């Protein structure tokens, strides 16, 4: 807390931001592709949010459908 930065617990050196590394960029690309592929599922779930299903009363159903 005194140094106002993140420090490695093993070697006590200041950690550097590494957002441009190939590993980070690969992870971002995989996440982007995953989100693109799952978009239709999220859209379908959002479309069903307002739907209210009727109550399930088996005795009534049994009397209607012999």
PDB file of N, CA and C in Angstrom:
ATOM      1  N   UNK A   1       0.821  -1.203   0.000  1.00  0.00           N
ATOM      2  CA  UNK A   1       0.000   0.000   0.000  1.00  0.00           C
ATOM      3  C   UNK A   1       0.861   1.261   0.000  1.00  0.00           C
ATOM      4  N   UNK A   2       2.049   1.152   0.495  1.00  0.00           N
ATOM      5  CA  UNK A   2       2.911   2.323   0.567  1.00  0.00           C
ATOM      6  C   UNK A   2       3.362   2.756  -0.826  1.00  0.00           C
ATOM      7  N   UNK A   3       3.629   1.780  -1.704  1.00  0.00           N
ATOM      8  CA  UNK A   3       4.155   2.089  -3.030  1.00  0.00           C
ATOM      9  C   UNK A   3       3.061   2.494  -4.024  1.00  0.00           C
ATOM     10  N   UNK A   4       1.794   2.291  -3.707  1.00  0.00           N
ATOM     11  CA  UNK A   4       0.677   2.657  -4.565  1.00  0.00           C
ATOM     12  C   UNK A   4       0.725   1.953  -5.919  1.00  0.00           C
ATOM     13  N   UNK A   5       1.127   0.678  -5.936  1.00  0.00           N
ATOM     14  CA  UNK A   5       1.164  -0.103  -7.155  1.00  0.00           C
ATOM     15  C   UNK A   5       1.053  -1.582  -6.790  1.00  0.00           C
ATOM     16  N   UNK A   6       0.830  -2.413  -7.804  1.00  0.00           N
ATOM     17  CA  UNK A   6       0.800  -3.845  -7.578  1.00  0.00           C
ATOM     18  C   UNK A   6       2.225  -4.383  -7.580  1.00  0.00           C
ATOM     19  N   UNK A   7       2.525  -5.245  -6.605  1.00  0.00           N
ATOM     20  CA  UNK A   7       3.878  -5.764  -6.452  1.00  0.00           C
ATOM     21  C   UNK A   7       3.820  -7.289  -6.410  1.00  0.00           C
ATOM     22  N   UNK A   8       4.773  -7.938  -7.073  1.00  0.00           N
ATOM     23  CA  UNK A   8       4.878  -9.389  -7.059  1.00  0.00           C
ATOM     24  C   UNK A   8       5.213  -9.853  -5.650  1.00  0.00           C
ATOM     25  N   UNK A   9       4.477 -10.856  -5.156  1.00  0.00           N
ATOM     26  CA  UNK A   9       4.715 -11.357  -3.811  1.00  0.00           C
ATOM     27  C   UNK A   9       5.990 -12.193  -3.730  1.00  0.00           C
ATOM     28  N   UNK A  10       6.457 -12.706  -4.868  1.00  0.00           N
ATOM     29  CA  UNK A  10       7.635 -13.570  -4.878  1.00  0.00           C
ATOM     30  C   UNK A  10       8.922 -12.748  -4.944  1.00  0.00           C
ATOM     31  N   UNK A  11       9.017 -11.868  -5.950  1.00  0.00           N
ATOM     32  CA  UNK A  11      10.280 -11.146  -6.164  1.00  0.00           C
ATOM     33  C   UNK A  11      10.227  -9.677  -5.746  1.00  0.00           C
ATOM     34  N   UNK A  12       9.067  -9.198  -5.302  1.00  0.00           N
ATOM     35  CA  UNK A  12       8.896  -7.836  -4.809  1.00  0.00           C
ATOM     36  C   UNK A  12       9.205  -6.766  -5.861  1.00  0.00           C
ATOM     37  N   UNK A  13       8.889  -7.070  -7.134  1.00  0.00           N
ATOM     38  CA  UNK A  13       9.052  -6.059  -8.186  1.00  0.00           C
ATOM     39  C   UNK A  13       7.681  -5.542  -8.602  1.00  0.00           C
ATOM     40  N   UNK A  14       7.669  -4.357  -9.158  1.00  0.00           N
ATOM     41  CA  UNK A  14       6.415  -3.749  -9.597  1.00  0.00           C
ATOM     42  C   UNK A  14       5.894  -4.478 -10.835  1.00  0.00           C
ATOM     43  N   UNK A  15       4.599  -4.770 -10.852  1.00  0.00           N
ATOM     44  CA  UNK A  15       3.982  -5.458 -11.981  1.00  0.00           C
ATOM     45  C   UNK A  15       3.628  -4.454 -13.063  1.00  0.00           C
ATOM     46  N   UNK A  16       3.829  -4.854 -14.308  1.00  0.00           N
ATOM     47  CA  UNK A  16       3.543  -3.988 -15.448  1.00  0.00           C
ATOM     48  C   UNK A  16       2.265  -4.441 -16.137  1.00  0.00           C
ATOM     49  N   UNK A  17       1.538  -3.484 -16.683  1.00  0.00           N
ATOM     50  CA  UNK A  17       0.339  -3.790 -17.447  1.00  0.00           C
ATOM     51  C   UNK A  17       0.754  -4.375 -18.790  1.00  0.00           C
ATOM     52  N   UNK A  18       0.202  -5.529 -19.144  1.00  0.00           N
ATOM     53  CA  UNK A  18       0.627  -6.226 -20.357  1.00  0.00           C
ATOM     54  C   UNK A  18      -0.580  -6.530 -21.241  1.00  0.00           C
ATOM     55  N   UNK A  19      -1.356  -5.518 -21.583  1.00  0.00           N
ATOM     56  CA  UNK A  19      -2.584  -5.737 -22.355  1.00  0.00           C
ATOM     57  C   UNK A  19      -2.328  -6.005 -23.823  1.00  0.00           C
ATOM     58  N   UNK A  20      -1.131  -5.800 -24.308  1.00  0.00           N
ATOM     59  CA  UNK A  20      -0.848  -5.999 -25.728  1.00  0.00           C
ATOM     60  C   UNK A  20      -0.170  -7.328 -26.029  1.00  0.00           C
ATOM     61  N   UNK A  21      -0.024  -8.185 -25.033  1.00  0.00           N
ATOM     62  CA  UNK A  21       0.655  -9.457 -25.293  1.00  0.00           C
ATOM     63  C   UNK A  21      -0.223 -10.352 -26.173  1.00  0.00           C
ATOM     64  N   UNK A  22       0.410 -11.302 -26.847  1.00  0.00           N
ATOM     65  CA  UNK A  22      -0.313 -12.200 -27.751  1.00  0.00           C
ATOM     66  C   UNK A  22      -1.312 -13.054 -26.976  1.00  0.00           C
ATOM     67  N   UNK A  23      -0.971 -13.439 -25.771  1.00  0.00           N
ATOM     68  CA  UNK A  23      -1.868 -14.268 -24.956  1.00  0.00           C
ATOM     69  C   UNK A  23      -3.142 -13.503 -24.592  1.00  0.00           C
ATOM     70  N   UNK A  24      -2.994 -12.253 -24.208  1.00  0.00           N
ATOM     71  CA  UNK A  24      -4.152 -11.418 -23.860  1.00  0.00           C
ATOM     72  C   UNK A  24      -5.004 -11.159 -25.092  1.00  0.00           C
ATOM     73  N   UNK A  25      -4.376 -10.856 -26.212  1.00  0.00           N
ATOM     74  CA  UNK A  25      -5.118 -10.602 -27.443  1.00  0.00           C
ATOM     75  C   UNK A  25      -5.857 -11.860 -27.898  1.00  0.00           C
ATOM     76  N   UNK A  26      -5.235 -13.042 -27.736  1.00  0.00           N
ATOM     77  CA  UNK A  26      -5.905 -14.295 -28.077  1.00  0.00           C
ATOM     78  C   UNK A  26      -7.119 -14.540 -27.212  1.00  0.00           C
ATOM     79  N   UNK A  27      -7.017 -14.226 -25.923  1.00  0.00           N
ATOM     80  CA  UNK A  27      -8.151 -14.384 -25.011  1.00  0.00           C
ATOM     81  C   UNK A  27      -9.282 -13.443 -25.387  1.00  0.00           C
ATOM     82  N   UNK A  28      -8.938 -12.215 -25.740  1.00  0.00           N
ATOM     83  CA  UNK A  28      -9.961 -11.250 -26.149  1.00  0.00           C
ATOM     84  C   UNK A  28     -10.659 -11.709 -27.423  1.00  0.00           C
ATOM     85  N   UNK A  29      -9.884 -12.276 -28.360  1.00  0.00           N
ATOM     86  CA  UNK A  29     -10.457 -12.762 -29.607  1.00  0.00           C
ATOM     87  C   UNK A  29     -11.394 -13.941 -29.356  1.00  0.00           C
ATOM     88  N   UNK A  30     -10.992 -14.861 -28.491  1.00  0.00           N
ATOM     89  CA  UNK A  30     -11.864 -15.999 -28.161  1.00  0.00           C
ATOM     90  C   UNK A  30     -13.154 -15.522 -27.492  1.00  0.00           C
ATOM     91  N   UNK A  31     -13.055 -14.553 -26.591  1.00  0.00           N
ATOM     92  CA  UNK A  31     -14.241 -14.024 -25.918  1.00  0.00           C
ATOM     93  C   UNK A  31     -15.155 -13.320 -26.908  1.00  0.00           C
ATOM     94  N   UNK A  32     -14.582 -12.584 -27.865  1.00  0.00           N
ATOM     95  CA  UNK A  32     -15.384 -11.898 -28.874  1.00  0.00           C
ATOM     96  C   UNK A  32     -16.142 -12.913 -29.735  1.00  0.00           C
ATOM     97  N   UNK A  33     -15.449 -13.994 -30.147  1.00  0.00           N
ATOM     98  CA  UNK A  33     -16.097 -15.025 -30.961  1.00  0.00           C
ATOM     99  C   UNK A  33     -17.178 -15.754 -30.163  1.00  0.00           C
ATOM    100  N   UNK A  34     -16.902 -16.042 -28.890  1.00  0.00           N
ATOM    101  CA  UNK A  34     -17.883 -16.699 -28.031  1.00  0.00           C
ATOM    102  C   UNK A  34     -19.142 -15.845 -27.906  1.00  0.00           C
ATOM    103  N   UNK A  35     -18.964 -14.554 -27.637  1.00  0.00           N
ATOM    104  CA  UNK A  35     -20.115 -13.657 -27.504  1.00  0.00           C
ATOM    105  C   UNK A  35     -20.899 -13.562 -28.808  1.00  0.00           C
ATOM    106  N   UNK A  36     -20.220 -13.550 -29.931  1.00  0.00           N
ATOM    107  CA  UNK A  36     -20.904 -13.490 -31.223  1.00  0.00           C
ATOM    108  C   UNK A  36     -21.713 -14.769 -31.466  1.00  0.00           C
ATOM    109  N   UNK A  37     -21.159 -15.920 -31.100  1.00  0.00           N
ATOM    110  CA  UNK A  37     -21.859 -17.184 -31.306  1.00  0.00           C
ATOM    111  C   UNK A  37     -23.035 -17.354 -30.351  1.00  0.00           C
ATOM    112  N   UNK A  38     -22.974 -16.765 -29.177  1.00  0.00           N
ATOM    113  CA  UNK A  38     -24.033 -16.915 -28.180  1.00  0.00           C
ATOM    114  C   UNK A  38     -25.079 -15.803 -28.241  1.00  0.00           C
ATOM    115  N   UNK A  39     -24.924 -14.879 -29.177  1.00  0.00           N
ATOM    116  CA  UNK A  39     -25.850 -13.746 -29.263  1.00  0.00           C
ATOM    117  C   UNK A  39     -27.289 -14.197 -29.456  1.00  0.00           C
ATOM    118  N   UNK A  40     -27.531 -15.192 -30.291  1.00  0.00           N
ATOM    119  CA  UNK A  40     -28.904 -15.627 -30.543  1.00  0.00           C
ATOM    120  C   UNK A  40     -29.520 -16.250 -29.289  1.00  0.00           C
ATOM    121  N   UNK A  41     -28.724 -16.880 -28.444  1.00  0.00           N
ATOM    122  CA  UNK A  41     -29.245 -17.451 -27.198  1.00  0.00           C
ATOM    123  C   UNK A  41     -29.628 -16.322 -26.234  1.00  0.00           C
ATOM    124  N   UNK A  42     -28.753 -15.325 -26.086  1.00  0.00           N
ATOM    125  CA  UNK A  42     -29.072 -14.203 -25.202  1.00  0.00           C
ATOM    126  C   UNK A  42     -30.301 -13.451 -25.691  1.00  0.00           C
ATOM    127  N   UNK A  43     -30.426 -13.269 -27.013  1.00  0.00           N
ATOM    128  CA  UNK A  43     -31.599 -12.584 -27.568  1.00  0.00           C
ATOM    129  C   UNK A  43     -32.872 -13.376 -27.295  1.00  0.00           C
ATOM    130  N   UNK A  44     -32.817 -14.694 -27.420  1.00  0.00           N
ATOM    131  CA  UNK A  44     -33.989 -15.532 -27.159  1.00  0.00           C
ATOM    132  C   UNK A  44     -34.386 -15.474 -25.686  1.00  0.00           C
ATOM    133  N   UNK A  45     -33.416 -15.465 -24.804  1.00  0.00           N
ATOM    134  CA  UNK A  45     -33.720 -15.381 -23.369  1.00  0.00           C
ATOM    135  C   UNK A  45     -34.358 -14.039 -23.047  1.00  0.00           C
ATOM    136  N   UNK A  46     -33.833 -12.972 -23.632  1.00  0.00           N
ATOM    137  CA  UNK A  46     -34.434 -11.648 -23.394  1.00  0.00           C
ATOM    138  C   UNK A  46     -35.864 -11.586 -23.919  1.00  0.00           C
ATOM    139  N   UNK A  47     -36.133 -12.277 -25.026  1.00  0.00           N
ATOM    140  CA  UNK A  47     -37.482 -12.267 -25.608  1.00  0.00           C
ATOM    141  C   UNK A  47     -38.478 -12.994 -24.718  1.00  0.00           C
ATOM    142  N   UNK A  48     -38.020 -13.929 -23.909  1.00  0.00           N
ATOM    143  CA  UNK A  48     -38.935 -14.704 -23.060  1.00  0.00           C
ATOM    144  C   UNK A  48     -39.099 -14.109 -21.666  1.00  0.00           C
ATOM    145  N   UNK A  49     -38.430 -13.018 -21.355  1.00  0.00           N
ATOM    146  CA  UNK A  49     -38.496 -12.447 -20.012  1.00  0.00           C
ATOM    147  C   UNK A  49     -39.900 -12.021 -19.615  1.00  0.00           C
ATOM    148  N   UNK A  50     -40.692 -11.521 -20.528  1.00  0.00           N
ATOM    149  CA  UNK A  50     -42.017 -11.023 -20.185  1.00  0.00           C
ATOM    150  C   UNK A  50     -43.122 -12.060 -20.259  1.00  0.00           C
ATOM    151  N   UNK A  51     -42.815 -13.269 -20.683  1.00  0.00           N
ATOM    152  CA  UNK A  51     -43.830 -14.305 -20.843  1.00  0.00           C
ATOM    153  C   UNK A  51     -44.215 -14.876 -19.483  1.00  0.00           C
ATOM    154  N   UNK A  52     -45.519 -14.967 -19.249  1.00  0.00           N
ATOM    155  CA  UNK A  52     -46.029 -15.565 -18.020  1.00  0.00           C
ATOM    156  C   UNK A  52     -46.768 -16.842 -18.401  1.00  0.00           C
ATOM    157  N   UNK A  53     -46.329 -17.958 -17.862  1.00  0.00           N
ATOM    158  CA  UNK A  53     -46.958 -19.238 -18.163  1.00  0.00           C
ATOM    159  C   UNK A  53     -48.168 -19.448 -17.265  1.00  0.00           C
ATOM    160  N   UNK A  54     -49.222 -20.076 -17.795  1.00  0.00           N
ATOM    161  CA  UNK A  54     -50.385 -20.346 -16.949  1.00  0.00           C
ATOM    162  C   UNK A  54     -50.027 -21.383 -15.895  1.00  0.00           C
ATOM    163  N   UNK A  55     -50.757 -21.352 -14.803  1.00  0.00           N
ATOM    164  CA  UNK A  55     -50.512 -22.294 -13.725  1.00  0.00           C
ATOM    165  C   UNK A  55     -50.797 -23.730 -14.137  1.00  0.00           C
ATOM    166  N   UNK A  56     -50.125 -24.634 -13.509  1.00  0.00           N
ATOM    167  CA  UNK A  56     -50.290 -26.053 -13.810  1.00  0.00           C
ATOM    168  C   UNK A  56     -51.218 -26.669 -12.768  1.00  0.00           C
ATOM    169  N   UNK A  57     -52.430 -27.049 -13.198  1.00  0.00           N
ATOM    170  CA  UNK A  57     -53.408 -27.666 -12.300  1.00  0.00           C
ATOM    171  C   UNK A  57     -53.794 -29.019 -12.906  1.00  0.00           C
ATOM    172  N   UNK A  58     -53.097 -30.106 -12.563  1.00  0.00           N
ATOM    173  CA  UNK A  58     -53.334 -31.406 -13.182  1.00  0.00           C
ATOM    174  C   UNK A  58     -54.787 -31.891 -13.110  1.00  0.00           C
ATOM    175  N   UNK A  59     -55.528 -31.716 -11.998  1.00  0.00           N
ATOM    176  CA  UNK A  59     -56.927 -32.199 -12.014  1.00  0.00           C
ATOM    177  C   UNK A  59     -57.783 -31.537 -13.098  1.00  0.00           C
ATOM    178  N   UNK A  60     -57.553 -30.262 -13.337  1.00  0.00           N
ATOM    179  CA  UNK A  60     -58.295 -29.554 -14.389  1.00  0.00           C
ATOM    180  C   UNK A  60     -57.900 -30.105 -15.747  1.00  0.00           C
ATOM    181  N   UNK A  61     -56.628 -30.323 -15.986  1.00  0.00           N
ATOM    182  CA  UNK A  61     -56.176 -30.878 -17.256  1.00  0.00           C
ATOM    183  C   UNK A  61     -56.745 -32.262 -17.482  1.00  0.00           C
ATOM    184  N   UNK A  62     -56.803 -33.068 -16.454  1.00  0.00           N
ATOM    185  CA  UNK A  62     -57.319 -34.416 -16.603  1.00  0.00           C
ATOM    186  C   UNK A  62     -58.809 -34.430 -16.919  1.00  0.00           C
ATOM    187  N   UNK A  63     -59.539 -33.435 -16.420  1.00  0.00           N
ATOM    188  CA  UNK A  63     -60.975 -33.374 -16.708  1.00  0.00           C
ATOM    189  C   UNK A  63     -61.226 -32.882 -18.134  1.00  0.00           C
ATOM    190  N   UNK A  64     -60.334 -32.098 -18.687  1.00  0.00           N
ATOM    191  CA  UNK A  64     -60.491 -31.571 -20.047  1.00  0.00           C
ATOM    192  C   UNK A  64     -60.083 -32.614 -21.074  1.00  0.00           C
ATOM    193  N   UNK A  65     -58.986 -33.301 -20.831  1.00  0.00           N
ATOM    194  CA  UNK A  65     -58.451 -34.285 -21.778  1.00  0.00           C
ATOM    195  C   UNK A  65     -58.678 -35.691 -21.243  1.00  0.00           C
ATOM    196  N   UNK A  66     -59.719 -36.378 -21.743  1.00  0.00           N
ATOM    197  CA  UNK A  66     -60.012 -37.722 -21.198  1.00  0.00           C
ATOM    198  C   UNK A  66     -58.985 -38.752 -21.587  1.00  0.00           C
TER     199      UNK A  66
END
